[in-house]
Amino acid sequence: MAKLLVDENIPLSVMKWLQEEGHDVVRVSQVGLKGEKDEVIIDFARKERRIILTLDLDFGCMYYFSRDFAVIVVRVKPPTPQNILSWLRKAFKKIDLDKLDKGLIIISKKVRIIT
């Protein structure tokens, strides 16, 4: 299963669901990165070969400059745990996370994959 780095803005219930699905999931705060700059979080994700999961569009913007990490940006309204889970379930049926080592996936009313 996929290795994910969950940003601070992702609800704990979403993280728990990901773990229950069998993914290797760590939260930014669990690895000493709480409050760190996005660049530091990206460097950690690169080194650990983890996909960043976030609500923060800044990670998507930063992807355009380097294109050497993987990030999933969830942009659902409202960003409730239930909404996030619903859209992740739909998106994960279309995405092979195990093969994603570089790329930007934006989940909103549709799933956009940018490599």
C-alpha atoms as a PDB file:
ATOM      1  CA  MET A   1       0.000   0.000   0.000  1.00  0.00           C
ATOM      2  CA  ALA A   2       0.941   3.651  -0.326  1.00  0.00           C
ATOM      3  CA  LYS A   3       3.171   5.635   2.000  1.00  0.00           C
ATOM      4  CA  LEU A   4       1.428   8.884   2.926  1.00  0.00           C
ATOM      5  CA  LEU A   5       2.447  11.987   4.849  1.00  0.00           C
ATOM      6  CA  VAL A   6      -0.712  13.612   6.191  1.00  0.00           C
ATOM      7  CA  ASP A   7      -0.657  17.382   6.633  1.00  0.00           C
ATOM      8  CA  GLU A   8      -1.879  19.051   9.823  1.00  0.00           C
ATOM      9  CA  ASN A   9      -5.092  20.195   8.143  1.00  0.00           C
ATOM     10  CA  ILE A  10      -6.328  16.665   7.399  1.00  0.00           C
ATOM     11  CA  PRO A  11      -8.794  15.431  10.054  1.00  0.00           C
ATOM     12  CA  LEU A  12      -7.649  12.578  12.290  1.00  0.00           C
ATOM     13  CA  SER A  13     -10.652  10.501  11.200  1.00  0.00           C
ATOM     14  CA  VAL A  14      -9.383  10.632   7.608  1.00  0.00           C
ATOM     15  CA  MET A  15      -5.944   9.507   8.752  1.00  0.00           C
ATOM     16  CA  LYS A  16      -7.509   6.647  10.688  1.00  0.00           C
ATOM     17  CA  TRP A  17      -9.494   5.548   7.609  1.00  0.00           C
ATOM     18  CA  LEU A  18      -6.312   5.555   5.514  1.00  0.00           C
ATOM     19  CA  GLN A  19      -4.603   3.353   8.093  1.00  0.00           C
ATOM     20  CA  GLU A  20      -7.584   1.002   8.167  1.00  0.00           C
ATOM     21  CA  GLU A  21      -7.311   0.745   4.379  1.00  0.00           C
ATOM     22  CA  GLY A  22      -3.776  -0.557   4.899  1.00  0.00           C
ATOM     23  CA  HIS A  23      -1.730   2.504   3.953  1.00  0.00           C
ATOM     24  CA  ASP A  24       1.492   3.439   5.745  1.00  0.00           C
ATOM     25  CA  VAL A  25       0.408   6.793   7.140  1.00  0.00           C
ATOM     26  CA  VAL A  26       2.236   9.309   9.319  1.00  0.00           C
ATOM     27  CA  ARG A  27       1.093  12.748  10.355  1.00  0.00           C
ATOM     28  CA  VAL A  28       3.366  15.765  10.019  1.00  0.00           C
ATOM     29  CA  SER A  29       3.264  16.258  13.796  1.00  0.00           C
ATOM     30  CA  GLN A  30       4.331  12.643  14.430  1.00  0.00           C
ATOM     31  CA  VAL A  31       7.636  13.188  12.655  1.00  0.00           C
ATOM     32  CA  GLY A  32       8.487  16.523  14.284  1.00  0.00           C
ATOM     33  CA  LEU A  33       7.336  18.734  11.400  1.00  0.00           C
ATOM     34  CA  LYS A  34       4.383  20.485  13.022  1.00  0.00           C
ATOM     35  CA  GLY A  35       4.426  24.145  12.000  1.00  0.00           C
ATOM     36  CA  GLU A  36       7.356  23.652   9.603  1.00  0.00           C
ATOM     37  CA  LYS A  37       7.602  25.411   6.276  1.00  0.00           C
ATOM     38  CA  ASP A  38       6.191  23.600   3.274  1.00  0.00           C
ATOM     39  CA  GLU A  39       9.694  23.171   1.826  1.00  0.00           C
ATOM     40  CA  VAL A  40      10.804  21.204   4.903  1.00  0.00           C
ATOM     41  CA  ILE A  41       7.733  18.971   4.694  1.00  0.00           C
ATOM     42  CA  ILE A  42       8.379  18.364   0.994  1.00  0.00           C
ATOM     43  CA  ASP A  43      12.021  17.456   1.673  1.00  0.00           C
ATOM     44  CA  PHE A  44      10.909  14.911   4.266  1.00  0.00           C
ATOM     45  CA  ALA A  45       8.337  13.442   1.883  1.00  0.00           C
ATOM     46  CA  ARG A  46      10.969  13.123  -0.849  1.00  0.00           C
ATOM     47  CA  LYS A  47      13.452  11.360   1.425  1.00  0.00           C
ATOM     48  CA  GLU A  48      10.806   8.976   2.788  1.00  0.00           C
ATOM     49  CA  ARG A  49       9.150   8.519  -0.639  1.00  0.00           C
ATOM     50  CA  ARG A  50       5.789   9.561   0.818  1.00  0.00           C
ATOM     51  CA  ILE A  51       2.818  11.151  -0.902  1.00  0.00           C
ATOM     52  CA  ILE A  52       1.740  14.370   0.806  1.00  0.00           C
ATOM     53  CA  LEU A  53      -2.000  14.547   1.512  1.00  0.00           C
ATOM     54  CA  THR A  54      -3.214  18.063   2.221  1.00  0.00           C
ATOM     55  CA  LEU A  55      -5.969  20.631   1.885  1.00  0.00           C
ATOM     56  CA  ASP A  56      -3.301  23.290   1.218  1.00  0.00           C
ATOM     57  CA  LEU A  57      -3.121  24.417  -2.397  1.00  0.00           C
ATOM     58  CA  ASP A  58       0.366  25.864  -1.779  1.00  0.00           C
ATOM     59  CA  PHE A  59       1.810  22.347  -2.103  1.00  0.00           C
ATOM     60  CA  GLY A  60       0.254  22.126  -5.552  1.00  0.00           C
ATOM     61  CA  CYS A  61       1.821  25.424  -6.551  1.00  0.00           C
ATOM     62  CA  MET A  62       5.202  24.266  -5.258  1.00  0.00           C
ATOM     63  CA  TYR A  63       4.893  21.064  -7.276  1.00  0.00           C
ATOM     64  CA  TYR A  64       4.958  23.104 -10.499  1.00  0.00           C
ATOM     65  CA  PHE A  65       8.436  24.418  -9.658  1.00  0.00           C
ATOM     66  CA  SER A  66      10.134  21.106  -8.932  1.00  0.00           C
ATOM     67  CA  ARG A  67       7.893  18.256 -10.128  1.00  0.00           C
ATOM     68  CA  ASP A  68       9.945  15.836  -8.033  1.00  0.00           C
ATOM     69  CA  PHE A  69       7.515  14.815  -5.300  1.00  0.00           C
ATOM     70  CA  ALA A  70       3.972  13.511  -5.051  1.00  0.00           C
ATOM     71  CA  VAL A  71       1.072  15.434  -3.555  1.00  0.00           C
ATOM     72  CA  ILE A  72      -2.672  14.991  -3.315  1.00  0.00           C
ATOM     73  CA  VAL A  73      -4.565  18.219  -2.725  1.00  0.00           C
ATOM     74  CA  VAL A  74      -8.167  17.848  -1.575  1.00  0.00           C
ATOM     75  CA  ARG A  75     -10.314  20.872  -2.465  1.00  0.00           C
ATOM     76  CA  VAL A  76     -13.843  19.992  -1.397  1.00  0.00           C
ATOM     77  CA  LYS A  77     -16.473  22.337  -0.005  1.00  0.00           C
ATOM     78  CA  PRO A  78     -17.086  22.246   2.849  1.00  0.00           C
ATOM     79  CA  PRO A  79     -13.900  20.408   3.915  1.00  0.00           C
ATOM     80  CA  THR A  80     -15.639  18.279   6.527  1.00  0.00           C
ATOM     81  CA  PRO A  81     -14.230  14.865   7.410  1.00  0.00           C
ATOM     82  CA  GLN A  82     -17.240  13.228   5.748  1.00  0.00           C
ATOM     83  CA  ASN A  83     -16.778  15.193   2.518  1.00  0.00           C
ATOM     84  CA  ILE A  84     -13.042  14.531   2.411  1.00  0.00           C
ATOM     85  CA  LEU A  85     -13.574  10.806   2.986  1.00  0.00           C
ATOM     86  CA  SER A  86     -16.282  10.615   0.354  1.00  0.00           C
ATOM     87  CA  TRP A  87     -14.085  12.205  -2.308  1.00  0.00           C
ATOM     88  CA  LEU A  88     -10.990  10.226  -1.334  1.00  0.00           C
ATOM     89  CA  ARG A  89     -12.943   6.977  -1.667  1.00  0.00           C
ATOM     90  CA  LYS A  90     -14.042   7.971  -5.169  1.00  0.00           C
ATOM     91  CA  ALA A  91     -10.598   9.156  -6.208  1.00  0.00           C
ATOM     92  CA  PHE A  92      -8.731   6.141  -4.857  1.00  0.00           C
ATOM     93  CA  LYS A  93     -10.820   3.900  -7.107  1.00  0.00           C
ATOM     94  CA  LYS A  94      -9.264   5.723 -10.080  1.00  0.00           C
ATOM     95  CA  ILE A  95      -5.718   6.221  -8.804  1.00  0.00           C
ATOM     96  CA  ASP A  96      -3.023   3.598  -8.232  1.00  0.00           C
ATOM     97  CA  LEU A  97      -1.266   5.208  -5.277  1.00  0.00           C
ATOM     98  CA  ASP A  98       1.415   2.522  -5.259  1.00  0.00           C
ATOM     99  CA  LYS A  99       2.669   3.792  -8.618  1.00  0.00           C
ATOM    100  CA  LEU A 100       2.574   7.484  -7.692  1.00  0.00           C
ATOM    101  CA  ASP A 101       6.037   8.691  -6.797  1.00  0.00           C
ATOM    102  CA  LYS A 102       5.877  12.066  -8.574  1.00  0.00           C
ATOM    103  CA  GLY A 103       2.808  13.989  -9.548  1.00  0.00           C
ATOM    104  CA  LEU A 104       0.031  16.291  -8.457  1.00  0.00           C
ATOM    105  CA  ILE A 105      -3.484  15.051  -7.912  1.00  0.00           C
ATOM    106  CA  ILE A 106      -6.213  17.583  -7.220  1.00  0.00           C
ATOM    107  CA  ILE A 107      -9.470  16.220  -5.889  1.00  0.00           C
ATOM    108  CA  SER A 108     -12.406  18.600  -6.199  1.00  0.00           C
ATOM    109  CA  LYS A 109     -15.591  18.041  -8.172  1.00  0.00           C
ATOM    110  CA  LYS A 110     -13.421  15.867 -10.368  1.00  0.00           C
ATOM    111  CA  VAL A 111     -10.024  14.211 -10.055  1.00  0.00           C
ATOM    112  CA  ARG A 112      -7.213  15.911 -11.964  1.00  0.00           C
ATOM    113  CA  ILE A 113      -3.858  14.171 -12.301  1.00  0.00           C
ATOM    114  CA  ILE A 114      -0.890  16.299 -13.346  1.00  0.00           C
ATOM    115  CA  THR A 115       2.509  14.755 -13.984  1.00  0.00           C
END
